[in-house]
């Protein structure tokens, strides 16, 4: 993978920093969401809500991938 204006080492360091930040923020937001839902006494528990959202989002991703793969093999009709 290459990023314009970066060497291979620079690309690695840039992507590593982005991934680490995204993982950290994702973990923090997940924890805050779970704790917040538990404190509010939401229907079910915070962990249950988190699990439900994760499952629904996974299904959404599968639907988007399926639609994208169906469109690849068909001619667009434009020249």
PDB file of N, CA and C in Angstrom:
ATOM      1  N   UNK A   1       0.853  -1.158   0.000  1.00  0.00           N
ATOM      2  CA  UNK A   1       0.000   0.000   0.000  1.00  0.00           C
ATOM      3  C   UNK A   1       0.907   1.232   0.000  1.00  0.00           C
ATOM      4  N   UNK A   2       0.509   2.224  -0.761  1.00  0.00           N
ATOM      5  CA  UNK A   2       1.311   3.442  -0.861  1.00  0.00           C
ATOM      6  C   UNK A   2       0.445   4.672  -0.633  1.00  0.00           C
ATOM      7  N   UNK A   3       1.052   5.658  -0.023  1.00  0.00           N
ATOM      8  CA  UNK A   3       0.417   6.965   0.117  1.00  0.00           C
ATOM      9  C   UNK A   3       1.319   7.955  -0.600  1.00  0.00           C
ATOM     10  N   UNK A   4       0.721   8.754  -1.472  1.00  0.00           N
ATOM     11  CA  UNK A   4       1.495   9.695  -2.265  1.00  0.00           C
ATOM     12  C   UNK A   4       2.260  10.649  -1.344  1.00  0.00           C
ATOM     13  N   UNK A   5       3.552  10.778  -1.594  1.00  0.00           N
ATOM     14  CA  UNK A   5       4.384  11.678  -0.812  1.00  0.00           C
ATOM     15  C   UNK A   5       5.043  11.024   0.394  1.00  0.00           C
ATOM     16  N   UNK A   6       4.806   9.720   0.614  1.00  0.00           N
ATOM     17  CA  UNK A   6       5.399   9.016   1.748  1.00  0.00           C
ATOM     18  C   UNK A   6       6.242   7.850   1.244  1.00  0.00           C
ATOM     19  N   UNK A   7       7.310   7.553   1.954  1.00  0.00           N
ATOM     20  CA  UNK A   7       8.090   6.350   1.663  1.00  0.00           C
ATOM     21  C   UNK A   7       7.352   5.155   2.254  1.00  0.00           C
ATOM     22  N   UNK A   8       7.846   3.954   1.994  1.00  0.00           N
ATOM     23  CA  UNK A   8       7.216   2.757   2.568  1.00  0.00           C
ATOM     24  C   UNK A   8       7.200   2.834   4.089  1.00  0.00           C
ATOM     25  N   UNK A   9       8.291   3.275   4.667  1.00  0.00           N
ATOM     26  CA  UNK A   9       8.376   3.415   6.131  1.00  0.00           C
ATOM     27  C   UNK A   9       7.400   4.475   6.626  1.00  0.00           C
ATOM     28  N   UNK A  10       7.316   5.585   5.918  1.00  0.00           N
ATOM     29  CA  UNK A  10       6.402   6.656   6.296  1.00  0.00           C
ATOM     30  C   UNK A  10       4.945   6.236   6.179  1.00  0.00           C
ATOM     31  N   UNK A  11       4.633   5.469   5.121  1.00  0.00           N
ATOM     32  CA  UNK A  11       3.275   4.953   4.955  1.00  0.00           C
ATOM     33  C   UNK A  11       2.904   4.049   6.115  1.00  0.00           C
ATOM     34  N   UNK A  12       3.821   3.148   6.472  1.00  0.00           N
ATOM     35  CA  UNK A  12       3.579   2.224   7.584  1.00  0.00           C
ATOM     36  C   UNK A  12       3.315   2.994   8.878  1.00  0.00           C
ATOM     37  N   UNK A  13       4.144   3.982   9.169  1.00  0.00           N
ATOM     38  CA  UNK A  13       3.978   4.759  10.399  1.00  0.00           C
ATOM     39  C   UNK A  13       2.671   5.547  10.404  1.00  0.00           C
ATOM     40  N   UNK A  14       2.297   6.112   9.262  1.00  0.00           N
ATOM     41  CA  UNK A  14       1.055   6.890   9.159  1.00  0.00           C
ATOM     42  C   UNK A  14      -0.154   5.988   9.395  1.00  0.00           C
ATOM     43  N   UNK A  15      -0.197   4.848   8.727  1.00  0.00           N
ATOM     44  CA  UNK A  15      -1.329   3.927   8.871  1.00  0.00           C
ATOM     45  C   UNK A  15      -1.374   3.340  10.271  1.00  0.00           C
ATOM     46  N   UNK A  16      -0.203   3.019  10.833  1.00  0.00           N
ATOM     47  CA  UNK A  16      -0.151   2.474  12.192  1.00  0.00           C
ATOM     48  C   UNK A  16      -0.751   3.470  13.190  1.00  0.00           C
ATOM     49  N   UNK A  17      -0.431   4.743  13.036  1.00  0.00           N
ATOM     50  CA  UNK A  17      -0.974   5.766  13.931  1.00  0.00           C
ATOM     51  C   UNK A  17      -2.480   5.904  13.801  1.00  0.00           C
ATOM     52  N   UNK A  18      -2.973   5.843  12.568  1.00  0.00           N
ATOM     53  CA  UNK A  18      -4.409   5.959  12.340  1.00  0.00           C
ATOM     54  C   UNK A  18      -5.147   4.768  12.928  1.00  0.00           C
ATOM     55  N   UNK A  19      -4.628   3.563  12.722  1.00  0.00           N
ATOM     56  CA  UNK A  19      -5.277   2.354  13.227  1.00  0.00           C
ATOM     57  C   UNK A  19      -5.284   2.348  14.751  1.00  0.00           C
ATOM     58  N   UNK A  20      -4.184   2.715  15.361  1.00  0.00           N
ATOM     59  CA  UNK A  20      -4.125   2.739  16.828  1.00  0.00           C
ATOM     60  C   UNK A  20      -5.126   3.741  17.399  1.00  0.00           C
ATOM     61  N   UNK A  21      -5.223   4.911  16.777  1.00  0.00           N
ATOM     62  CA  UNK A  21      -6.175   5.927  17.243  1.00  0.00           C
ATOM     63  C   UNK A  21      -7.614   5.446  17.078  1.00  0.00           C
ATOM     64  N   UNK A  22      -7.919   4.853  15.928  1.00  0.00           N
ATOM     65  CA  UNK A  22      -9.277   4.358  15.678  1.00  0.00           C
ATOM     66  C   UNK A  22      -9.643   3.248  16.655  1.00  0.00           C
ATOM     67  N   UNK A  23      -8.716   2.349  16.938  1.00  0.00           N
ATOM     68  CA  UNK A  23      -8.988   1.259  17.877  1.00  0.00           C
ATOM     69  C   UNK A  23      -9.212   1.801  19.281  1.00  0.00           C
ATOM     70  N   UNK A  24      -8.403   2.754  19.687  1.00  0.00           N
ATOM     71  CA  UNK A  24      -8.545   3.340  21.021  1.00  0.00           C
ATOM     72  C   UNK A  24      -9.886   4.061  21.162  1.00  0.00           C
ATOM     73  N   UNK A  25     -10.215   4.905  20.187  1.00  0.00           N
ATOM     74  CA  UNK A  25     -11.480   5.638  20.248  1.00  0.00           C
ATOM     75  C   UNK A  25     -12.683   4.689  20.179  1.00  0.00           C
ATOM     76  N   UNK A  26     -12.587   3.663  19.357  1.00  0.00           N
ATOM     77  CA  UNK A  26     -13.667   2.680  19.269  1.00  0.00           C
ATOM     78  C   UNK A  26     -13.904   1.989  20.595  1.00  0.00           C
ATOM     79  N   UNK A  27     -12.828   1.606  21.271  1.00  0.00           N
ATOM     80  CA  UNK A  27     -12.952   0.976  22.575  1.00  0.00           C
ATOM     81  C   UNK A  27     -13.532   1.907  23.624  1.00  0.00           C
ATOM     82  N   UNK A  28     -13.084   3.147  23.610  1.00  0.00           N
ATOM     83  CA  UNK A  28     -13.586   4.128  24.583  1.00  0.00           C
ATOM     84  C   UNK A  28     -15.070   4.392  24.361  1.00  0.00           C
ATOM     85  N   UNK A  29     -15.470   4.622  23.107  1.00  0.00           N
ATOM     86  CA  UNK A  29     -16.878   4.898  22.820  1.00  0.00           C
ATOM     87  C   UNK A  29     -17.761   3.695  23.132  1.00  0.00           C
ATOM     88  N   UNK A  30     -17.263   2.498  22.877  1.00  0.00           N
ATOM     89  CA  UNK A  30     -18.021   1.292  23.201  1.00  0.00           C
ATOM     90  C   UNK A  30     -18.232   1.189  24.700  1.00  0.00           C
ATOM     91  N   UNK A  31     -17.196   1.425  25.472  1.00  0.00           N
ATOM     92  CA  UNK A  31     -17.312   1.386  26.925  1.00  0.00           C
ATOM     93  C   UNK A  31     -18.248   2.448  27.462  1.00  0.00           C
ATOM     94  N   UNK A  32     -18.137   3.659  26.932  1.00  0.00           N
ATOM     95  CA  UNK A  32     -19.009   4.755  27.382  1.00  0.00           C
ATOM     96  C   UNK A  32     -20.464   4.442  27.045  1.00  0.00           C
ATOM     97  N   UNK A  33     -20.725   3.929  25.858  1.00  0.00           N
ATOM     98  CA  UNK A  33     -22.084   3.567  25.462  1.00  0.00           C
ATOM     99  C   UNK A  33     -22.664   2.507  26.397  1.00  0.00           C
ATOM    100  N   UNK A  34     -21.888   1.508  26.711  1.00  0.00           N
ATOM    101  CA  UNK A  34     -22.349   0.431  27.588  1.00  0.00           C
ATOM    102  C   UNK A  34     -22.641   0.953  28.985  1.00  0.00           C
ATOM    103  N   UNK A  35     -21.744   1.743  29.542  1.00  0.00           N
ATOM    104  CA  UNK A  35     -21.926   2.293  30.892  1.00  0.00           C
ATOM    105  C   UNK A  35     -23.124   3.247  30.925  1.00  0.00           C
ATOM    106  N   UNK A  36     -23.243   4.105  29.907  1.00  0.00           N
ATOM    107  CA  UNK A  36     -24.341   5.066  29.835  1.00  0.00           C
ATOM    108  C   UNK A  36     -25.689   4.343  29.783  1.00  0.00           C
ATOM    109  N   UNK A  37     -25.776   3.298  28.967  1.00  0.00           N
ATOM    110  CA  UNK A  37     -27.026   2.542  28.858  1.00  0.00           C
ATOM    111  C   UNK A  37     -27.357   1.844  30.171  1.00  0.00           C
ATOM    112  N   UNK A  38     -26.355   1.329  30.873  1.00  0.00           N
ATOM    113  CA  UNK A  38     -26.597   0.677  32.168  1.00  0.00           C
ATOM    114  C   UNK A  38     -27.094   1.691  33.199  1.00  0.00           C
ATOM    115  N   UNK A  39     -26.526   2.879  33.228  1.00  0.00           N
ATOM    116  CA  UNK A  39     -26.948   3.897  34.192  1.00  0.00           C
ATOM    117  C   UNK A  39     -28.369   4.386  33.925  1.00  0.00           C
ATOM    118  N   UNK A  40     -28.742   4.491  32.658  1.00  0.00           N
ATOM    119  CA  UNK A  40     -30.077   4.962  32.324  1.00  0.00           C
ATOM    120  C   UNK A  40     -31.137   3.878  32.511  1.00  0.00           C
ATOM    121  N   UNK A  41     -30.698   2.653  32.688  1.00  0.00           N
ATOM    122  CA  UNK A  41     -31.645   1.561  32.850  1.00  0.00           C
ATOM    123  C   UNK A  41     -32.413   1.301  31.573  1.00  0.00           C
ATOM    124  N   UNK A  42     -31.714   1.363  30.468  1.00  0.00           N
ATOM    125  CA  UNK A  42     -32.349   1.139  29.173  1.00  0.00           C
ATOM    126  C   UNK A  42     -32.927  -0.276  29.138  1.00  0.00           C
ATOM    127  N   UNK A  43     -33.853  -0.476  28.212  1.00  0.00           N
ATOM    128  CA  UNK A  43     -34.447  -1.799  28.067  1.00  0.00           C
ATOM    129  C   UNK A  43     -33.318  -2.778  27.779  1.00  0.00           C
ATOM    130  N   UNK A  44     -33.201  -3.771  28.595  1.00  0.00           N
ATOM    131  CA  UNK A  44     -32.075  -4.679  28.493  1.00  0.00           C
ATOM    132  C   UNK A  44     -30.880  -4.053  29.189  1.00  0.00           C
ATOM    133  N   UNK A  45     -29.737  -4.581  28.941  1.00  0.00           N
ATOM    134  CA  UNK A  45     -28.526  -4.019  29.539  1.00  0.00           C
ATOM    135  C   UNK A  45     -27.720  -3.293  28.469  1.00  0.00           C
ATOM    136  N   UNK A  46     -26.746  -2.559  28.894  1.00  0.00           N
ATOM    137  CA  UNK A  46     -25.877  -1.865  27.940  1.00  0.00           C
ATOM    138  C   UNK A  46     -25.164  -2.840  27.030  1.00  0.00           C
ATOM    139  N   UNK A  47     -24.766  -3.968  27.594  1.00  0.00           N
ATOM    140  CA  UNK A  47     -24.084  -4.976  26.797  1.00  0.00           C
ATOM    141  C   UNK A  47     -25.040  -5.581  25.772  1.00  0.00           C
ATOM    142  N   UNK A  48     -26.298  -5.795  26.166  1.00  0.00           N
ATOM    143  CA  UNK A  48     -27.292  -6.328  25.234  1.00  0.00           C
ATOM    144  C   UNK A  48     -27.561  -5.378  24.092  1.00  0.00           C
ATOM    145  N   UNK A  49     -27.644  -4.090  24.403  1.00  0.00           N
ATOM    146  CA  UNK A  49     -27.850  -3.084  23.361  1.00  0.00           C
ATOM    147  C   UNK A  49     -26.657  -3.065  22.418  1.00  0.00           C
ATOM    148  N   UNK A  50     -25.467  -3.119  22.968  1.00  0.00           N
ATOM    149  CA  UNK A  50     -24.254  -3.124  22.154  1.00  0.00           C
ATOM    150  C   UNK A  50     -24.226  -4.341  21.238  1.00  0.00           C
ATOM    151  N   UNK A  51     -24.603  -5.502  21.759  1.00  0.00           N
ATOM    152  CA  UNK A  51     -24.631  -6.723  20.958  1.00  0.00           C
ATOM    153  C   UNK A  51     -25.652  -6.595  19.831  1.00  0.00           C
ATOM    154  N   UNK A  52     -26.824  -6.046  20.130  1.00  0.00           N
ATOM    155  CA  UNK A  52     -27.864  -5.870  19.116  1.00  0.00           C
ATOM    156  C   UNK A  52     -27.397  -4.939  18.005  1.00  0.00           C
ATOM    157  N   UNK A  53     -26.789  -3.831  18.369  1.00  0.00           N
ATOM    158  CA  UNK A  53     -26.300  -2.878  17.373  1.00  0.00           C
ATOM    159  C   UNK A  53     -25.217  -3.516  16.505  1.00  0.00           C
ATOM    160  N   UNK A  54     -24.339  -4.283  17.112  1.00  0.00           N
ATOM    161  CA  UNK A  54     -23.273  -4.945  16.366  1.00  0.00           C
ATOM    162  C   UNK A  54     -23.838  -5.935  15.361  1.00  0.00           C
ATOM    163  N   UNK A  55     -24.837  -6.719  15.763  1.00  0.00           N
ATOM    164  CA  UNK A  55     -25.453  -7.691  14.858  1.00  0.00           C
ATOM    165  C   UNK A  55     -26.159  -6.982  13.704  1.00  0.00           C
ATOM    166  N   UNK A  56     -26.918  -5.946  14.008  1.00  0.00           N
ATOM    167  CA  UNK A  56     -27.647  -5.218  12.967  1.00  0.00           C
ATOM    168  C   UNK A  56     -26.673  -4.560  11.988  1.00  0.00           C
ATOM    169  N   UNK A  57     -25.591  -3.993  12.496  1.00  0.00           N
ATOM    170  CA  UNK A  57     -24.610  -3.361  11.616  1.00  0.00           C
ATOM    171  C   UNK A  57     -23.922  -4.403  10.729  1.00  0.00           C
ATOM    172  N   UNK A  58     -23.654  -5.581  11.277  1.00  0.00           N
ATOM    173  CA  UNK A  58     -23.066  -6.660  10.480  1.00  0.00           C
ATOM    174  C   UNK A  58     -23.980  -7.078   9.341  1.00  0.00           C
ATOM    175  N   UNK A  59     -25.277  -7.177   9.621  1.00  0.00           N
ATOM    176  CA  UNK A  59     -26.238  -7.503   8.574  1.00  0.00           C
ATOM    177  C   UNK A  59     -26.271  -6.412   7.506  1.00  0.00           C
ATOM    178  N   UNK A  60     -26.225  -5.164   7.938  1.00  0.00           N
ATOM    179  CA  UNK A  60     -26.208  -4.042   6.997  1.00  0.00           C
ATOM    180  C   UNK A  60     -24.980  -4.125   6.079  1.00  0.00           C
ATOM    181  N   UNK A  61     -23.809  -4.411   6.650  1.00  0.00           N
ATOM    182  CA  UNK A  61     -22.591  -4.534   5.848  1.00  0.00           C
ATOM    183  C   UNK A  61     -22.724  -5.660   4.825  1.00  0.00           C
ATOM    184  N   UNK A  62     -23.321  -6.790   5.230  1.00  0.00           N
ATOM    185  CA  UNK A  62     -23.504  -7.910   4.309  1.00  0.00           C
ATOM    186  C   UNK A  62     -24.406  -7.525   3.146  1.00  0.00           C
ATOM    187  N   UNK A  63     -25.472  -6.792   3.424  1.00  0.00           N
ATOM    188  CA  UNK A  63     -26.396  -6.359   2.369  1.00  0.00           C
ATOM    189  C   UNK A  63     -25.691  -5.430   1.393  1.00  0.00           C
ATOM    190  N   UNK A  64     -24.903  -4.489   1.917  1.00  0.00           N
ATOM    191  CA  UNK A  64     -24.178  -3.552   1.048  1.00  0.00           C
ATOM    192  C   UNK A  64     -23.168  -4.293   0.172  1.00  0.00           C
ATOM    193  N   UNK A  65     -22.445  -5.258   0.744  1.00  0.00           N
ATOM    194  CA  UNK A  65     -21.472  -6.034  -0.033  1.00  0.00           C
ATOM    195  C   UNK A  65     -22.170  -6.840  -1.123  1.00  0.00           C
ATOM    196  N   UNK A  66     -23.322  -7.423  -0.795  1.00  0.00           N
ATOM    197  CA  UNK A  66     -24.060  -8.220  -1.774  1.00  0.00           C
ATOM    198  C   UNK A  66     -24.537  -7.355  -2.926  1.00  0.00           C
ATOM    199  N   UNK A  67     -25.046  -6.177  -2.626  1.00  0.00           N
ATOM    200  CA  UNK A  67     -25.502  -5.268  -3.685  1.00  0.00           C
ATOM    201  C   UNK A  67     -24.331  -4.819  -4.553  1.00  0.00           C
ATOM    202  N   UNK A  68     -23.186  -4.568  -3.931  1.00  0.00           N
ATOM    203  CA  UNK A  68     -22.012  -4.125  -4.690  1.00  0.00           C
ATOM    204  C   UNK A  68     -21.507  -5.240  -5.596  1.00  0.00           C
ATOM    205  N   UNK A  69     -21.529  -6.480  -5.130  1.00  0.00           N
ATOM    206  CA  UNK A  69     -21.024  -7.580  -5.946  1.00  0.00           C
ATOM    207  C   UNK A  69     -21.976  -7.909  -7.093  1.00  0.00           C
ATOM    208  N   UNK A  70     -23.273  -7.684  -6.939  1.00  0.00           N
ATOM    209  CA  UNK A  70     -24.222  -7.925  -8.022  1.00  0.00           C
ATOM    210  C   UNK A  70     -24.029  -6.933  -9.155  1.00  0.00           C
ATOM    211  N   UNK A  71     -23.622  -5.712  -8.836  1.00  0.00           N
ATOM    212  CA  UNK A  71     -23.477  -4.677  -9.860  1.00  0.00           C
ATOM    213  C   UNK A  71     -22.206  -4.781 -10.663  1.00  0.00           C
ATOM    214  N   UNK A  72     -21.215  -5.554 -10.210  1.00  0.00           N
ATOM    215  CA  UNK A  72     -19.914  -5.598 -10.897  1.00  0.00           C
ATOM    216  C   UNK A  72     -19.958  -6.320 -12.230  1.00  0.00           C
ATOM    217  N   UNK A  73     -20.685  -7.414 -12.336  1.00  0.00           N
ATOM    218  CA  UNK A  73     -20.654  -8.221 -13.546  1.00  0.00           C
ATOM    219  C   UNK A  73     -21.575  -7.738 -14.643  1.00  0.00           C
ATOM    220  N   UNK A  74     -22.380  -6.752 -14.396  1.00  0.00           N
ATOM    221  CA  UNK A  74     -23.359  -6.303 -15.376  1.00  0.00           C
ATOM    222  C   UNK A  74     -22.821  -5.103 -16.156  1.00  0.00           C
ATOM    223  N   UNK A  75     -23.047  -5.098 -17.468  1.00  0.00           N
ATOM    224  CA  UNK A  75     -22.601  -3.934 -18.240  1.00  0.00           C
ATOM    225  C   UNK A  75     -23.434  -2.705 -17.898  1.00  0.00           C
ATOM    226  N   UNK A  76     -22.789  -1.571 -17.914  1.00  0.00           N
ATOM    227  CA  UNK A  76     -23.461  -0.328 -17.519  1.00  0.00           C
ATOM    228  C   UNK A  76     -24.270   0.280 -18.659  1.00  0.00           C
ATOM    229  N   UNK A  77     -23.985  -0.093 -19.901  1.00  0.00           N
ATOM    230  CA  UNK A  77     -24.725   0.461 -21.026  1.00  0.00           C
ATOM    231  C   UNK A  77     -24.141   1.763 -21.541  1.00  0.00           C
ATOM    232  N   UNK A  78     -23.172   2.313 -20.847  1.00  0.00           N
ATOM    233  CA  UNK A  78     -22.528   3.564 -21.278  1.00  0.00           C
ATOM    234  C   UNK A  78     -21.243   3.250 -22.003  1.00  0.00           C
ATOM    235  N   UNK A  79     -20.941   4.040 -23.011  1.00  0.00           N
ATOM    236  CA  UNK A  79     -19.691   3.831 -23.751  1.00  0.00           C
ATOM    237  C   UNK A  79     -18.909   5.096 -23.801  1.00  0.00           C
TER     238      UNK A  79
END
